[in-house]
Amino acid sequence: MNTNKKIVTILLLYQLLIFFQNVFAQETLNEIERRKQFLTNNELPLKLPDALKLAHEYILINKIDVSEHYLDNIRFVYSSAWMKGRQWIVTWKLKILSDGGEIIILIDMDKKIKIFLGR
């Protein structure tokens, strides 16, 4: 292959790469917009403050020691590896730096709760 053909091939490959990056970026933007639209148009049966309250009640009722932990985050997801369907994931992490030790509580829209304790 001569030099001109190599240059043309590289330019074509570069243009294809740019094209696919734009396509995937647009798909990601479309997905974000779809999720925002869904949340705007569909009220969640279980609101964030209620989910957090349920998580705290679960910890108190089940006497889970969180004295060495802090509330790290609470987030809404459409599905997770642990539970199908829309849910809140509430995570406590250890105050000291360590691998594991997390307390993860999943709460679905029907207020069903699952807990995972990190090792």
Protein backbone atom coordinates (compact mmCIF):
# COMPACT_ATOMS: atom_id res chain seq x y z
CA MET A 1 0.00 0.00 0.00
CA ASN A 2 1.50 3.33 -0.95
CA THR A 3 1.67 6.34 1.35
CA ASN A 4 -1.33 8.15 -0.15
CA LYS A 5 -3.58 5.11 0.29
CA LYS A 6 -2.40 4.76 3.91
CA ILE A 7 -3.21 8.40 4.62
CA VAL A 8 -6.67 8.07 3.03
CA THR A 9 -7.33 4.88 5.02
CA ILE A 10 -6.26 6.54 8.28
CA LEU A 11 -8.46 9.57 7.56
CA LEU A 12 -11.45 7.35 6.81
CA LEU A 13 -10.91 5.38 10.01
CA TYR A 14 -10.61 8.63 11.94
CA GLN A 15 -13.88 9.90 10.46
CA LEU A 16 -15.59 6.62 11.37
CA LEU A 17 -14.29 6.92 14.92
CA ILE A 18 -15.64 10.48 15.22
CA PHE A 19 -18.97 9.37 13.75
CA PHE A 20 -19.40 6.54 16.27
CA GLN A 21 -18.33 8.74 19.18
CA ASN A 22 -21.04 11.22 18.20
CA VAL A 23 -23.64 8.45 17.85
CA PHE A 24 -22.83 7.01 21.29
CA ALA A 25 -22.72 10.47 22.88
CA GLN A 26 -26.14 11.23 21.42
CA GLU A 27 -27.53 7.91 22.70
CA THR A 28 -26.22 8.74 26.17
CA LEU A 29 -27.80 12.21 26.04
CA ASN A 30 -31.06 10.68 24.82
CA GLU A 31 -31.03 8.20 27.71
CA ILE A 32 -30.41 10.96 30.25
CA GLU A 33 -33.21 13.04 28.75
CA ARG A 34 -35.55 10.01 28.74
CA ARG A 35 -34.86 9.38 32.43
CA LYS A 36 -35.37 13.04 33.34
CA GLN A 37 -38.62 13.07 31.39
CA PHE A 38 -39.77 9.87 33.10
CA LEU A 39 -39.10 11.27 36.56
CA THR A 40 -40.82 14.52 35.68
CA ASN A 41 -43.90 12.84 34.25
CA ASN A 42 -44.21 9.95 36.69
CA GLU A 43 -44.29 10.61 40.39
CA LEU A 44 -42.36 8.03 42.35
CA PRO A 45 -44.52 6.07 44.79
CA LEU A 46 -41.69 6.27 47.33
CA LYS A 47 -40.01 9.67 47.71
CA LEU A 48 -36.40 10.14 48.79
CA PRO A 49 -37.17 11.40 52.35
CA ASP A 50 -39.48 8.43 52.92
CA ALA A 51 -36.88 5.98 51.64
CA LEU A 52 -34.25 7.45 53.94
CA LYS A 53 -36.65 7.24 56.88
CA LEU A 54 -37.37 3.57 56.08
CA ALA A 55 -33.65 2.82 55.90
CA HIS A 56 -33.06 4.43 59.32
CA GLU A 57 -36.02 2.57 60.82
CA TYR A 58 -34.73 -0.70 59.38
CA ILE A 59 -31.33 -0.11 60.99
CA LEU A 60 -32.92 0.70 64.36
CA ILE A 61 -35.37 -2.21 64.34
CA ASN A 62 -32.72 -4.73 63.29
CA LYS A 63 -30.13 -3.28 65.69
CA ILE A 64 -27.49 -2.79 63.02
CA ASP A 65 -24.49 -0.97 64.46
CA VAL A 66 -23.68 2.04 62.29
CA SER A 67 -21.65 3.86 64.94
CA GLU A 68 -18.46 3.33 62.92
CA HIS A 69 -20.17 4.37 59.66
CA TYR A 70 -21.42 7.52 57.97
CA LEU A 71 -24.27 7.88 55.50
CA ASP A 72 -22.44 8.03 52.19
CA ASN A 73 -25.25 8.37 49.65
CA ILE A 74 -28.77 7.62 48.60
CA ARG A 75 -29.59 7.25 44.95
CA PHE A 76 -32.45 6.20 42.73
CA VAL A 77 -31.86 3.47 40.14
CA TYR A 78 -34.09 1.69 37.68
CA SER A 79 -32.64 -1.71 38.51
CA SER A 80 -29.59 -3.13 40.23
CA ALA A 81 -27.66 -6.38 40.34
CA TRP A 82 -29.39 -7.18 43.63
CA MET A 83 -33.00 -6.26 42.96
CA LYS A 84 -35.13 -5.69 39.86
CA GLY A 85 -37.25 -2.62 39.33
CA ARG A 86 -37.07 0.97 40.52
CA GLN A 87 -35.41 1.35 43.89
CA TRP A 88 -33.50 3.55 46.28
CA ILE A 89 -30.02 2.44 47.31
CA VAL A 90 -28.83 3.79 50.66
CA THR A 91 -25.16 3.29 51.50
CA TRP A 92 -23.23 3.71 54.75
CA LYS A 93 -19.43 3.50 54.65
CA LEU A 94 -16.89 2.99 57.38
CA LYS A 95 -15.44 6.20 58.85
CA ILE A 96 -11.94 4.76 58.57
CA LEU A 97 -10.45 3.93 55.18
CA SER A 98 -10.94 0.25 54.46
CA ASP A 99 -11.90 -2.26 51.81
CA GLY A 100 -15.46 -3.35 52.44
CA GLY A 101 -17.49 -2.71 55.54
CA GLU A 102 -20.28 -0.98 53.66
CA ILE A 103 -23.89 -1.30 54.67
CA ILE A 104 -26.15 -1.19 51.64
CA ILE A 105 -29.92 -1.04 51.94
CA LEU A 106 -32.14 -1.39 48.88
CA ILE A 107 -35.74 -0.22 49.05
CA ASP A 108 -38.12 -0.81 46.18
CA MET A 109 -41.20 1.25 45.42
CA ASP A 110 -43.37 -1.24 47.38
CA LYS A 111 -41.16 -0.60 50.44
CA LYS A 112 -39.57 -4.05 50.30
CA ILE A 113 -36.10 -3.91 51.82
CA LYS A 114 -32.94 -5.91 51.20
CA ILE A 115 -29.68 -5.36 53.05
CA PHE A 116 -26.10 -6.23 52.15
CA LEU A 117 -23.28 -6.01 54.68
CA GLY A 118 -19.81 -5.63 53.24
CA ARG A 119 -16.98 -7.70 54.62
